[in-house]
Amino acid sequence: SNSPISSLTRTDMERPEDTVTPYVNSHTTAVNSVVRSLGRYQNETMRYVEEWEKTISTRVSTELRHVGNLYKTWARYDSKVANLKISLQKKTTKKESDIE
């Protein structure tokens, strides 16, 4: 049979030489295209990862500074509240001693 499928399934001895070369060339071209595409994909992926890392690092650093500032503010007010409690306790103790 001379169908396209039967021509591909023949052994090399049965297949005419002029049909082997285009078949091999088309596969070689396809493999080369895939290799080039893979290289571009790898490069684009690396650029994306590097850009993502810079963006995330910047955002995380900014948020860490913000959290540090919030902690300092909280610590300052926590200290003020503690001092107010001590002051209130002293005044309450003094009033109780004055009453007795």
PDB file of N, CA and C in Angstrom:
ATOM      1  N   SER A   1       0.845  -1.186   0.000  1.00  0.00           N
ATOM      2  CA  SER A   1       0.000   0.000   0.000  1.00  0.00           C
ATOM      3  C   SER A   1       0.881   1.236   0.000  1.00  0.00           C
ATOM      4  N   ASN A   2       0.400   2.317  -0.610  1.00  0.00           N
ATOM      5  CA  ASN A   2       1.161   3.560  -0.694  1.00  0.00           C
ATOM      6  C   ASN A   2       0.561   4.659   0.166  1.00  0.00           C
ATOM      7  N   SER A   3      -0.144   4.306   1.214  1.00  0.00           N
ATOM      8  CA  SER A   3      -0.725   5.328   2.085  1.00  0.00           C
ATOM      9  C   SER A   3       0.382   5.984   2.895  1.00  0.00           C
ATOM     10  N   PRO A   4       0.142   7.212   3.387  1.00  0.00           N
ATOM     11  CA  PRO A   4       1.177   7.899   4.182  1.00  0.00           C
ATOM     12  C   PRO A   4       1.577   7.117   5.425  1.00  0.00           C
ATOM     13  N   ILE A   5       0.611   6.454   6.057  1.00  0.00           N
ATOM     14  CA  ILE A   5       0.931   5.698   7.273  1.00  0.00           C
ATOM     15  C   ILE A   5       1.771   4.479   6.936  1.00  0.00           C
ATOM     16  N   SER A   6       1.421   3.776   5.901  1.00  0.00           N
ATOM     17  CA  SER A   6       2.198   2.583   5.550  1.00  0.00           C
ATOM     18  C   SER A   6       3.616   2.961   5.127  1.00  0.00           C
ATOM     19  N   SER A   7       3.785   4.144   4.542  1.00  0.00           N
ATOM     20  CA  SER A   7       5.137   4.550   4.147  1.00  0.00           C
ATOM     21  C   SER A   7       6.003   4.846   5.367  1.00  0.00           C
ATOM     22  N   LEU A   8       5.374   5.243   6.480  1.00  0.00           N
ATOM     23  CA  LEU A   8       6.142   5.506   7.700  1.00  0.00           C
ATOM     24  C   LEU A   8       6.463   4.229   8.454  1.00  0.00           C
ATOM     25  N   THR A   9       5.652   3.190   8.265  1.00  0.00           N
ATOM     26  CA  THR A   9       5.860   1.951   9.012  1.00  0.00           C
ATOM     27  C   THR A   9       6.785   0.983   8.295  1.00  0.00           C
ATOM     28  N   ARG A  10       7.173   1.275   7.094  1.00  0.00           N
ATOM     29  CA  ARG A  10       8.109   0.407   6.371  1.00  0.00           C
ATOM     30  C   ARG A  10       9.486   0.463   7.015  1.00  0.00           C
ATOM     31  N   THR A  11      10.254  -0.584   6.854  1.00  0.00           N
ATOM     32  CA  THR A  11      11.636  -0.563   7.329  1.00  0.00           C
ATOM     33  C   THR A  11      12.451   0.342   6.418  1.00  0.00           C
ATOM     34  N   ASP A  12      13.646   0.708   6.873  1.00  0.00           N
ATOM     35  CA  ASP A  12      14.499   1.600   6.082  1.00  0.00           C
ATOM     36  C   ASP A  12      14.840   1.004   4.718  1.00  0.00           C
ATOM     37  N   MET A  13      14.943  -0.304   4.661  1.00  0.00           N
ATOM     38  CA  MET A  13      15.290  -0.952   3.400  1.00  0.00           C
ATOM     39  C   MET A  13      14.154  -0.801   2.390  1.00  0.00           C
ATOM     40  N   GLU A  14      12.904  -0.807   2.877  1.00  0.00           N
ATOM     41  CA  GLU A  14      11.757  -0.706   1.983  1.00  0.00           C
ATOM     42  C   GLU A  14      11.429   0.742   1.630  1.00  0.00           C
ATOM     43  N   ARG A  15      11.816   1.681   2.494  1.00  0.00           N
ATOM     44  CA  ARG A  15      11.433   3.078   2.325  1.00  0.00           C
ATOM     45  C   ARG A  15      12.371   3.748   1.330  1.00  0.00           C
ATOM     46  N   PRO A  16      11.815   4.427   0.376  1.00  0.00           N
ATOM     47  CA  PRO A  16      12.682   5.145  -0.571  1.00  0.00           C
ATOM     48  C   PRO A  16      13.474   6.235   0.156  1.00  0.00           C
ATOM     49  N   GLU A  17      14.701   6.450  -0.257  1.00  0.00           N
ATOM     50  CA  GLU A  17      15.607   7.409   0.378  1.00  0.00           C
ATOM     51  C   GLU A  17      15.043   8.820   0.377  1.00  0.00           C
ATOM     52  N   ASP A  18      14.333   9.199  -0.643  1.00  0.00           N
ATOM     53  CA  ASP A  18      13.831  10.570  -0.738  1.00  0.00           C
ATOM     54  C   ASP A  18      12.707  10.865   0.257  1.00  0.00           C
ATOM     55  N   THR A  19      12.097   9.847   0.874  1.00  0.00           N
ATOM     56  CA  THR A  19      11.065  10.100   1.895  1.00  0.00           C
ATOM     57  C   THR A  19      11.653  10.134   3.292  1.00  0.00           C
ATOM     58  N   VAL A  20      12.806   9.532   3.498  1.00  0.00           N
ATOM     59  CA  VAL A  20      13.431   9.492   4.823  1.00  0.00           C
ATOM     60  C   VAL A  20      13.975  10.859   5.193  1.00  0.00           C
ATOM     61  N   THR A  21      14.663  11.499   4.293  1.00  0.00           N
ATOM     62  CA  THR A  21      15.308  12.777   4.578  1.00  0.00           C
ATOM     63  C   THR A  21      14.310  13.851   5.002  1.00  0.00           C
ATOM     64  N   PRO A  22      13.212  14.061   4.284  1.00  0.00           N
ATOM     65  CA  PRO A  22      12.258  15.080   4.748  1.00  0.00           C
ATOM     66  C   PRO A  22      11.659  14.744   6.117  1.00  0.00           C
ATOM     67  N   TYR A  23      11.417  13.461   6.351  1.00  0.00           N
ATOM     68  CA  TYR A  23      10.858  13.026   7.639  1.00  0.00           C
ATOM     69  C   TYR A  23      11.836  13.336   8.774  1.00  0.00           C
ATOM     70  N   VAL A  24      13.087  12.971   8.588  1.00  0.00           N
ATOM     71  CA  VAL A  24      14.123  13.229   9.596  1.00  0.00           C
ATOM     72  C   VAL A  24      14.326  14.725   9.760  1.00  0.00           C
ATOM     73  N   ASN A  25      14.352  15.446   8.658  1.00  0.00           N
ATOM     74  CA  ASN A  25      14.537  16.896   8.726  1.00  0.00           C
ATOM     75  C   ASN A  25      13.403  17.568   9.489  1.00  0.00           C
ATOM     76  N   SER A  26      12.176  17.111   9.260  1.00  0.00           N
ATOM     77  CA  SER A  26      11.051  17.733   9.971  1.00  0.00           C
ATOM     78  C   SER A  26      11.147  17.469  11.470  1.00  0.00           C
ATOM     79  N   HIS A  27      11.580  16.275  11.850  1.00  0.00           N
ATOM     80  CA  HIS A  27      11.749  15.987  13.278  1.00  0.00           C
ATOM     81  C   HIS A  27      12.922  16.760  13.869  1.00  0.00           C
ATOM     82  N   THR A  28      13.989  16.879  13.129  1.00  0.00           N
ATOM     83  CA  THR A  28      15.140  17.662  13.589  1.00  0.00           C
ATOM     84  C   THR A  28      14.738  19.117  13.781  1.00  0.00           C
ATOM     85  N   THR A  29      13.979  19.649  12.834  1.00  0.00           N
ATOM     86  CA  THR A  29      13.498  21.029  12.940  1.00  0.00           C
ATOM     87  C   THR A  29      12.599  21.187  14.160  1.00  0.00           C
ATOM     88  N   ALA A  30      11.720  20.215  14.384  1.00  0.00           N
ATOM     89  CA  ALA A  30      10.813  20.277  15.539  1.00  0.00           C
ATOM     90  C   ALA A  30      11.593  20.228  16.846  1.00  0.00           C
ATOM     91  N   VAL A  31      12.571  19.342  16.932  1.00  0.00           N
ATOM     92  CA  VAL A  31      13.387  19.234  18.153  1.00  0.00           C
ATOM     93  C   VAL A  31      14.151  20.530  18.386  1.00  0.00           C
ATOM     94  N   ASN A  32      14.746  21.084  17.345  1.00  0.00           N
ATOM     95  CA  ASN A  32      15.481  22.347  17.487  1.00  0.00           C
ATOM     96  C   ASN A  32      14.560  23.472  17.945  1.00  0.00           C
ATOM     97  N   SER A  33      13.353  23.492  17.412  1.00  0.00           N
ATOM     98  CA  SER A  33      12.383  24.514  17.815  1.00  0.00           C
ATOM     99  C   SER A  33      12.022  24.369  19.289  1.00  0.00           C
ATOM    100  N   VAL A  34      11.823  23.134  19.726  1.00  0.00           N
ATOM    101  CA  VAL A  34      11.495  22.885  21.137  1.00  0.00           C
ATOM    102  C   VAL A  34      12.659  23.305  22.031  1.00  0.00           C
ATOM    103  N   VAL A  35      13.877  22.997  21.626  1.00  0.00           N
ATOM    104  CA  VAL A  35      15.056  23.366  22.421  1.00  0.00           C
ATOM    105  C   VAL A  35      15.166  24.885  22.534  1.00  0.00           C
ATOM    106  N   ARG A  36      14.942  25.601  21.435  1.00  0.00           N
ATOM    107  CA  ARG A  36      14.990  27.074  21.478  1.00  0.00           C
ATOM    108  C   ARG A  36      13.882  27.620  22.381  1.00  0.00           C
ATOM    109  N   SER A  37      12.692  27.055  22.222  1.00  0.00           N
ATOM    110  CA  SER A  37      11.565  27.513  23.051  1.00  0.00           C
ATOM    111  C   SER A  37      11.833  27.241  24.521  1.00  0.00           C
ATOM    112  N   LEU A  38      12.411  26.096  24.815  1.00  0.00           N
ATOM    113  CA  LEU A  38      12.734  25.758  26.200  1.00  0.00           C
ATOM    114  C   LEU A  38      13.745  26.744  26.770  1.00  0.00           C
ATOM    115  N   GLY A  39      14.741  27.102  25.983  1.00  0.00           N
ATOM    116  CA  GLY A  39      15.733  28.085  26.434  1.00  0.00           C
ATOM    117  C   GLY A  39      15.097  29.430  26.729  1.00  0.00           C
ATOM    118  N   ARG A  40      14.212  29.884  25.835  1.00  0.00           N
ATOM    119  CA  ARG A  40      13.510  31.163  26.062  1.00  0.00           C
ATOM    120  C   ARG A  40      12.634  31.070  27.307  1.00  0.00           C
ATOM    121  N   TYR A  41      11.938  29.961  27.451  1.00  0.00           N
ATOM    122  CA  TYR A  41      11.058  29.771  28.611  1.00  0.00           C
ATOM    123  C   TYR A  41      11.867  29.805  29.908  1.00  0.00           C
ATOM    124  N   GLN A  42      13.006  29.125  29.916  1.00  0.00           N
ATOM    125  CA  GLN A  42      13.851  29.127  31.114  1.00  0.00           C
ATOM    126  C   GLN A  42      14.343  30.535  31.437  1.00  0.00           C
ATOM    127  N   ASN A  43      14.759  31.285  30.421  1.00  0.00           N
ATOM    128  CA  ASN A  43      15.221  32.660  30.644  1.00  0.00           C
ATOM    129  C   ASN A  43      14.100  33.543  31.176  1.00  0.00           C
ATOM    130  N   GLU A  44      12.913  33.428  30.577  1.00  0.00           N
ATOM    131  CA  GLU A  44      11.779  34.228  31.037  1.00  0.00           C
ATOM    132  C   GLU A  44      11.380  33.848  32.459  1.00  0.00           C
ATOM    133  N   THR A  45      11.440  32.564  32.761  1.00  0.00           N
ATOM    134  CA  THR A  45      11.110  32.105  34.115  1.00  0.00           C
ATOM    135  C   THR A  45      12.100  32.670  35.123  1.00  0.00           C
ATOM    136  N   MET A  46      13.381  32.649  34.796  1.00  0.00           N
ATOM    137  CA  MET A  46      14.396  33.186  35.709  1.00  0.00           C
ATOM    138  C   MET A  46      14.199  34.686  35.915  1.00  0.00           C
ATOM    139  N   ARG A  47      13.907  35.422  34.840  1.00  0.00           N
ATOM    140  CA  ARG A  47      13.660  36.865  34.980  1.00  0.00           C
ATOM    141  C   ARG A  47      12.443  37.109  35.867  1.00  0.00           C
ATOM    142  N   TYR A  48      11.401  36.329  35.674  1.00  0.00           N
ATOM    143  CA  TYR A  48      10.187  36.486  36.483  1.00  0.00           C
ATOM    144  C   TYR A  48      10.483  36.213  37.954  1.00  0.00           C
ATOM    145  N   VAL A  49      11.214  35.139  38.230  1.00  0.00           N
ATOM    146  CA  VAL A  49      11.543  34.789  39.618  1.00  0.00           C
ATOM    147  C   VAL A  49      12.383  35.886  40.255  1.00  0.00           C
ATOM    148  N   GLU A  50      13.357  36.419  39.534  1.00  0.00           N
ATOM    149  CA  GLU A  50      14.197  37.491  40.076  1.00  0.00           C
ATOM    150  C   GLU A  50      13.365  38.741  40.358  1.00  0.00           C
ATOM    151  N   GLU A  51      12.481  39.095  39.430  1.00  0.00           N
ATOM    152  CA  GLU A  51      11.623  40.267  39.620  1.00  0.00           C
ATOM    153  C   GLU A  51      10.667  40.052  40.793  1.00  0.00           C
ATOM    154  N   TRP A  52      10.111  38.865  40.877  1.00  0.00           N
ATOM    155  CA  TRP A  52       9.188  38.531  41.971  1.00  0.00           C
ATOM    156  C   TRP A  52       9.912  38.625  43.313  1.00  0.00           C
ATOM    157  N   GLU A  53      11.130  38.089  43.373  1.00  0.00           N
ATOM    158  CA  GLU A  53      11.908  38.118  44.615  1.00  0.00           C
ATOM    159  C   GLU A  53      12.189  39.560  45.052  1.00  0.00           C
ATOM    160  N   LYS A  54      12.557  40.429  44.104  1.00  0.00           N
ATOM    161  CA  LYS A  54      12.804  41.839  44.436  1.00  0.00           C
ATOM    162  C   LYS A  54      11.535  42.493  44.971  1.00  0.00           C
ATOM    163  N   THR A  55      10.422  42.251  44.288  1.00  0.00           N
ATOM    164  CA  THR A  55       9.149  42.854  44.690  1.00  0.00           C
ATOM    165  C   THR A  55       8.748  42.391  46.081  1.00  0.00           C
ATOM    166  N   ILE A  56       8.806  41.094  46.311  1.00  0.00           N
ATOM    167  CA  ILE A  56       8.402  40.549  47.610  1.00  0.00           C
ATOM    168  C   ILE A  56       9.355  41.023  48.702  1.00  0.00           C
ATOM    169  N   SER A  57      10.650  41.021  48.429  1.00  0.00           N
ATOM    170  CA  SER A  57      11.626  41.477  49.427  1.00  0.00           C
ATOM    171  C   SER A  57      11.363  42.921  49.818  1.00  0.00           C
ATOM    172  N   THR A  58      11.070  43.758  48.831  1.00  0.00           N
ATOM    173  CA  THR A  58      10.779  45.166  49.111  1.00  0.00           C
ATOM    174  C   THR A  58       9.525  45.294  49.965  1.00  0.00           C
ATOM    175  N   ARG A  59       8.483  44.576  49.587  1.00  0.00           N
ATOM    176  CA  ARG A  59       7.228  44.651  50.347  1.00  0.00           C
ATOM    177  C   ARG A  59       7.400  44.138  51.771  1.00  0.00           C
ATOM    178  N   VAL A  60       8.093  43.018  51.926  1.00  0.00           N
ATOM    179  CA  VAL A  60       8.295  42.449  53.261  1.00  0.00           C
ATOM    180  C   VAL A  60       9.136  43.393  54.109  1.00  0.00           C
ATOM    181  N   SER A  61      10.192  43.958  53.541  1.00  0.00           N
ATOM    182  CA  SER A  61      11.034  44.898  54.293  1.00  0.00           C
ATOM    183  C   SER A  61      10.230  46.109  54.749  1.00  0.00           C
ATOM    184  N   THR A  62       9.395  46.625  53.862  1.00  0.00           N
ATOM    185  CA  THR A  62       8.552  47.773  54.207  1.00  0.00           C
ATOM    186  C   THR A  62       7.604  47.418  55.343  1.00  0.00           C
ATOM    187  N   GLU A  63       6.979  46.262  55.253  1.00  0.00           N
ATOM    188  CA  GLU A  63       6.037  45.841  56.299  1.00  0.00           C
ATOM    189  C   GLU A  63       6.759  45.583  57.622  1.00  0.00           C
ATOM    190  N   LEU A  64       7.968  45.032  57.565  1.00  0.00           N
ATOM    191  CA  LEU A  64       8.726  44.804  58.802  1.00  0.00           C
ATOM    192  C   LEU A  64       9.060  46.123  59.490  1.00  0.00           C
ATOM    193  N   ARG A  65       9.428  47.135  58.711  1.00  0.00           N
ATOM    194  CA  ARG A  65       9.688  48.451  59.301  1.00  0.00           C
ATOM    195  C   ARG A  65       8.414  48.999  59.933  1.00  0.00           C
ATOM    196  N   HIS A  66       7.298  48.849  59.250  1.00  0.00           N
ATOM    197  CA  HIS A  66       6.010  49.326  59.769  1.00  0.00           C
ATOM    198  C   HIS A  66       5.658  48.605  61.075  1.00  0.00           C
ATOM    199  N   VAL A  67       5.842  47.299  61.103  1.00  0.00           N
ATOM    200  CA  VAL A  67       5.563  46.528  62.321  1.00  0.00           C
ATOM    201  C   VAL A  67       6.495  46.971  63.445  1.00  0.00           C
ATOM    202  N   GLY A  68       7.754  47.240  63.124  1.00  0.00           N
ATOM    203  CA  GLY A  68       8.695  47.733  64.138  1.00  0.00           C
ATOM    204  C   GLY A  68       8.236  49.054  64.731  1.00  0.00           C
ATOM    205  N   ASN A  69       7.760  49.953  63.872  1.00  0.00           N
ATOM    206  CA  ASN A  69       7.246  51.241  64.362  1.00  0.00           C
ATOM    207  C   ASN A  69       6.001  51.048  65.221  1.00  0.00           C
ATOM    208  N   LEU A  70       5.114  50.155  64.804  1.00  0.00           N
ATOM    209  CA  LEU A  70       3.919  49.871  65.611  1.00  0.00           C
ATOM    210  C   LEU A  70       4.305  49.300  66.976  1.00  0.00           C
ATOM    211  N   TYR A  71       5.312  48.436  67.000  1.00  0.00           N
ATOM    212  CA  TYR A  71       5.759  47.858  68.267  1.00  0.00           C
ATOM    213  C   TYR A  71       6.303  48.946  69.195  1.00  0.00           C
ATOM    214  N   LYS A  72       7.098  49.855  68.643  1.00  0.00           N
ATOM    215  CA  LYS A  72       7.636  50.950  69.467  1.00  0.00           C
ATOM    216  C   LYS A  72       6.505  51.800  70.043  1.00  0.00           C
ATOM    217  N   THR A  73       5.506  52.096  69.213  1.00  0.00           N
ATOM    218  CA  THR A  73       4.356  52.881  69.680  1.00  0.00           C
ATOM    219  C   THR A  73       3.617  52.126  70.777  1.00  0.00           C
ATOM    220  N   TRP A  74       3.373  50.849  70.565  1.00  0.00           N
ATOM    221  CA  TRP A  74       2.684  50.033  71.567  1.00  0.00           C
ATOM    222  C   TRP A  74       3.483  50.011  72.875  1.00  0.00           C
ATOM    223  N   ALA A  75       4.803  49.808  72.784  1.00  0.00           N
ATOM    224  CA  ALA A  75       5.637  49.738  73.986  1.00  0.00           C
ATOM    225  C   ALA A  75       5.582  51.056  74.758  1.00  0.00           C
ATOM    226  N   ARG A  76       5.583  52.177  74.040  1.00  0.00           N
ATOM    227  CA  ARG A  76       5.512  53.482  74.697  1.00  0.00           C
ATOM    228  C   ARG A  76       4.191  53.622  75.456  1.00  0.00           C
ATOM    229  N   TYR A  77       3.079  53.281  74.806  1.00  0.00           N
ATOM    230  CA  TYR A  77       1.778  53.400  75.472  1.00  0.00           C
ATOM    231  C   TYR A  77       1.617  52.367  76.584  1.00  0.00           C
ATOM    232  N   ASP A  78       2.174  51.193  76.404  1.00  0.00           N
ATOM    233  CA  ASP A  78       2.119  50.175  77.455  1.00  0.00           C
ATOM    234  C   ASP A  78       2.846  50.670  78.702  1.00  0.00           C
ATOM    235  N   SER A  79       3.979  51.326  78.504  1.00  0.00           N
ATOM    236  CA  SER A  79       4.733  51.895  79.622  1.00  0.00           C
ATOM    237  C   SER A  79       3.933  53.005  80.307  1.00  0.00           C
ATOM    238  N   LYS A  80       3.281  53.850  79.508  1.00  0.00           N
ATOM    239  CA  LYS A  80       2.463  54.927  80.080  1.00  0.00           C
ATOM    240  C   LYS A  80       1.323  54.358  80.913  1.00  0.00           C
ATOM    241  N   VAL A  81       0.664  53.320  80.406  1.00  0.00           N
ATOM    242  CA  VAL A  81      -0.448  52.703  81.142  1.00  0.00           C
ATOM    243  C   VAL A  81       0.066  52.101  82.448  1.00  0.00           C
ATOM    244  N   ALA A  82       1.215  51.452  82.401  1.00  0.00           N
ATOM    245  CA  ALA A  82       1.784  50.872  83.619  1.00  0.00           C
ATOM    246  C   ALA A  82       2.078  51.969  84.643  1.00  0.00           C
ATOM    247  N   ASN A  83       2.640  53.087  84.190  1.00  0.00           N
ATOM    248  CA  ASN A  83       2.922  54.204  85.106  1.00  0.00           C
ATOM    249  C   ASN A  83       1.637  54.795  85.673  1.00  0.00           C
ATOM    250  N   LEU A  84       0.597  54.901  84.848  1.00  0.00           N
ATOM    251  CA  LEU A  84      -0.690  55.407  85.339  1.00  0.00           C
ATOM    252  C   LEU A  84      -1.285  54.464  86.386  1.00  0.00           C
ATOM    253  N   LYS A  85      -1.157  53.167  86.190  1.00  0.00           N
ATOM    254  CA  LYS A  85      -1.659  52.196  87.168  1.00  0.00           C
ATOM    255  C   LYS A  85      -0.922  52.346  88.497  1.00  0.00           C
ATOM    256  N   ILE A  86       0.389  52.518  88.426  1.00  0.00           N
ATOM    257  CA  ILE A  86       1.181  52.703  89.653  1.00  0.00           C
ATOM    258  C   ILE A  86       0.757  53.982  90.355  1.00  0.00           C
ATOM    259  N   SER A  87       0.613  55.054  89.586  1.00  0.00           N
ATOM    260  CA  SER A  87       0.188  56.338  90.154  1.00  0.00           C
ATOM    261  C   SER A  87      -1.187  56.216  90.798  1.00  0.00           C
ATOM    262  N   LEU A  88      -2.113  55.547  90.129  1.00  0.00           N
ATOM    263  CA  LEU A  88      -3.456  55.353  90.674  1.00  0.00           C
ATOM    264  C   LEU A  88      -3.407  54.519  91.946  1.00  0.00           C
ATOM    265  N   GLN A  89      -2.597  53.503  91.946  1.00  0.00           N
ATOM    266  CA  GLN A  89      -2.479  52.649  93.128  1.00  0.00           C
ATOM    267  C   GLN A  89      -1.919  53.440  94.312  1.00  0.00           C
ATOM    268  N   LYS A  90      -0.929  54.300  94.065  1.00  0.00           N
ATOM    269  CA  LYS A  90      -0.371  55.132  95.141  1.00  0.00           C
ATOM    270  C   LYS A  90      -1.426  56.078  95.695  1.00  0.00           C
ATOM    271  N   LYS A  91      -2.198  56.706  94.786  1.00  0.00           N
ATOM    272  CA  LYS A  91      -3.236  57.638  95.235  1.00  0.00           C
ATOM    273  C   LYS A  91      -4.315  56.907  96.014  1.00  0.00           C
ATOM    274  N   THR A  92      -4.702  55.728  95.549  1.00  0.00           N
ATOM    275  CA  THR A  92      -5.729  54.946  96.240  1.00  0.00           C
ATOM    276  C   THR A  92      -5.223  54.526  97.613  1.00  0.00           C
ATOM    277  N   THR A  93      -3.988  54.107  97.699  1.00  0.00           N
ATOM    278  CA  THR A  93      -3.400  53.699  98.975  1.00  0.00           C
ATOM    279  C   THR A  93      -3.319  54.887  99.925  1.00  0.00           C
ATOM    280  N   LYS A  94      -2.946  56.069  99.408  1.00  0.00           N
ATOM    281  CA  LYS A  94      -2.841  57.276 100.228  1.00  0.00           C
ATOM    282  C   LYS A  94      -4.213  57.673 100.765  1.00  0.00           C
ATOM    283  N   LYS A  95      -5.264  57.614  99.913  1.00  0.00           N
ATOM    284  CA  LYS A  95      -6.611  57.970 100.362  1.00  0.00           C
ATOM    285  C   LYS A  95      -7.079  57.010 101.444  1.00  0.00           C
ATOM    286  N   GLU A  96      -6.788  55.728 101.275  1.00  0.00           N
ATOM    287  CA  GLU A  96      -7.202  54.745 102.282  1.00  0.00           C
ATOM    288  C   GLU A  96      -6.496  55.004 103.612  1.00  0.00           C
ATOM    289  N   SER A  97      -5.224  55.390 103.541  1.00  0.00           N
ATOM    290  CA  SER A  97      -4.493  55.660 104.787  1.00  0.00           C
ATOM    291  C   SER A  97      -4.968  56.957 105.434  1.00  0.00           C
ATOM    292  N   ASP A  98      -5.420  57.917 104.614  1.00  0.00           N
ATOM    293  CA  ASP A  98      -5.950  59.172 105.154  1.00  0.00           C
ATOM    294  C   ASP A  98      -7.286  58.940 105.852  1.00  0.00           C
ATOM    295  N   ILE A  99      -8.074  58.001 105.355  1.00  0.00           N
ATOM    296  CA  ILE A  99      -9.389  57.717 105.924  1.00  0.00           C
ATOM    297  C   ILE A  99      -9.234  57.037 107.275  1.00  0.00           C
ATOM    298  N   GLU A 100      -8.273  56.231 107.437  1.00  0.00           N
ATOM    299  CA  GLU A 100      -8.108  55.496 108.687  1.00  0.00           C
ATOM    300  C   GLU A 100      -7.607  56.383 109.728  1.00  0.00           C
TER     301      GLU A 100
END
